[in-house]
Amino acid sequence: MPLHRRSELQQTCLGLIFISMIRGRSCKPNVMPTGLSVVNALVGTNLTMGIIYTDATDPQVSWWIDVLPVATWTVGSVGQPSVAAQHRGVLFLEPNGSLTFRGVTLNYSGSYTVKVVQSGVGQGTATFTLTVYEIIKDVSLHMWPKYAIEGSTYLDFYYTTTQGAAKETKWFFNGVEIINGSHNSINGKNLTVKHLKRSDTGQYSVSLRNPYSSGTAYINVKILYGPGQPVLQLNPKKDFFVFGESLSLMCGAQGEPLPSVSWIFGGHVLSRSQSGMLNLTAVQTNQSGVYTCLLENGQTGLQLMENITLKIYENPKGSPACSVLAVNGSSALQYHCQWPGGSPLAELSFPTLNQSCHGSGNFVLTVSNTQGLNGKPISCLAKHPLQQKKCDVIASEPSHFSPSVSTVVSPNGNLVVSITCYAKATPVAMVTWSISGHIAIIYHLSEDSTHLSILNFNLSTVGVTAYTCNATNPLGVQSKNFTLLGPAVSNASFVINSEGTVVILTWDMPSTATITAFEVQMKGPDLTKTRSQNGRAADKYRTIQVEPASSRSANISGFHPKLVYYIRIVPMVGNTAGLVSKELKIGPETMSGAAIVGIAAGIPCTLLVLLSIVGLIVLCIRSYRKKNREPCYPVCKAIEKVATTVPVAPHQLLHGEMKPPPDYSIHQRPTQRPGQRPSDASPVRMATTV
């Protein structure tokens, strides 16, 4: 006998014994399962829900699924049990009223009730629960949303299978069973994790089990977070950088996954990488500013930004420049200090004048009270992060000055006289003019008023019209009164070269004289002729050279050193000659300055040489007298005859400017002169010299 049949028989016997014990105590039939009332079945198998009943004879037995009847039969009747059409082939009634399932399917899972009715007595009931299972296959575990982000409200897990239902479900985290609580919630096929944290990263799994099979699924979860607080690094670490230097910026932060780093400057993305490194080489001043590090989680899209400011400085060019101007109608001084260029602009100030005022790049300070500023150095202090410098400026009142005059002839033949008044002053003096003498003149002033041009000058106004030139600045005023003079020359002189062929003339003129040119005039032989070619020297002055009004010297060549010339300088205004210079004589009698200097220097030397020669002669004579005294002999007659026959060369044979040779006979003693015989009475003295 099969084991399950033996078990059912035992259960039936026990049921009968139990019914026998209670018999007589109830009037209606008693129905009891012969086995378990909760029945599990594998899909496609056969099973029977067995029953026993008492206190009923040939009762009517009906089976119900929930509230719907599925099979009915009267025990002991001849006919076949009545089974609902949709359940035929699966449900069968046994002779004792038990319900048999053949090839049970999943849709037969449910609650079954059997009713046993004894006519005229009543009915008895029993209830069964049937669960039909399949073999569990292909368990999968899923989560939603797709990304688990730190701080999110929840994360849901759910499982699916291609077949089979679980009777028992268990959830695990890193191998530890998950229990319902405030952080984790299990509901049916779902697991909900609330308020996600980084510690929720790990392996989640679900285990499914039914009476006939089991299955497990796993899923690894990373809780995404970040980017965290950015960390910025500057290398080298400096407060500022100098134009042309190199540097690097580093930015990073924690996160899952590791966030990408983008560097942004001026609205433009400079770089994007995981390393977060930005290298800047040979930096320029236009790279100063705010650099933004943008950190982004590539999966969650979360972003975080952090800024860093770079300061790139450049030295200003050159040095600061100071100046001072006259403002407010030349009543106040305006000090300027400039040091352009550089980054940032240099801070400028005049601490001596005002300690609280300063400016950048170009600083201007106006001072109304100018007392004590004449000749006082004022310093501008220029401060730049890379260096400090200063410049000085000295304001001074107008100095004494003399006007200068120049005269030209206009194309229409008028004389145009330009008068310049310039007084050295800081700031530049403002020049004003006044004219007296009640004459009608046409004039023109230059833009800075330092030049007054008289466009219709007339020599008749010389010495009549008075001019006044005023130079004014905030520190003082200088005035000059003068009249225009006619053409005149003063201090005429010349220098001649050592050969006597070239003459350099020099002269001067009054500062207010009106002159358009200088004529150099000469009287005497032409410069190009020699002495032998020149007949009679010209006795009238003629112009040999014309110099402009600005000249104060002239070079004249072609002079003959043994001829005489006369030169003068004639100042001209237009075609009118002025007062001529003194007459300068040039010729042999003329000794140049260089010649005079040479003679003056040679006289002491000549005297010294002469004294030396005289001393030597005296020494020689004395020595001669002492050591070399020899006897004098009479001249031989033959020799005397020859001597007397030699004629003396007459002096009148000399030509030109040659000098006659010296007569050395006069230096002989009388006894040695030719034509004379030694006196016989002279004593003869013999001596031998060794």
Foldseek 3Di string as FASTA:
>chain_A
DDPVVVLLVVLVVVVVVVCVVCPPVAQAKAKDWSDDQEAEAEAQAKDKGHMDIPNADQWKKWKDFPPHTAWIDGQPDDDAIDGDPVCPPAWHADNRGIIMGGRHHQVPFGKMKMWTAHPPGGIYMDIHGYGYWYAWADKEKDKPPPAAAQQDFKIKIFIDTPGTDFPDKWKDWPRHTDDDDDQWHDDVRMIMGGRDDQVSFGKMKMWGHDPPYIDMYIDGHGHWYDQDDKDKDKPPDDPAAEQFAKIKIAIAGDIVVGWWKWKDDPNDTPDIGSRRMDIDGRDDQVRFFKIKIWTADPPVRDIDIDIDTYGYKYDFPDAKDKAWDQDDVQQKIKIKIAGDDMPPFWKKDFVVVPVPDIDGRMDIDIGRPCPPQAQDWTKMWTGDPVDTDIDIDGWHWWDDDDKAWEWDQDPVGAIKIKIFDATDGGPGWQKDKDKDQPDDWDWDADPSRRIIITGHDDQVCFPRMKMKMWTGHNVDIDIDIDGAHEWDKADWDWFADPQLFKIKIFIHTDRRYYFFKKFKWKWFDDLQDDPVPDDGTGGDIDTDDMGGPPDGMDMDGRHHQATKMKIKMWTDRRPDTDDIYDIDIGYNVDDGPVNVVVVVVCVVVVVVVVVVVVVVVVVVVVVCVVAPDAWDDWDDPVVLVVVVVDDDDDPVVDDDPDDDDDDCLVVDDPCPRRPDTDDPPDDTDHDDHD
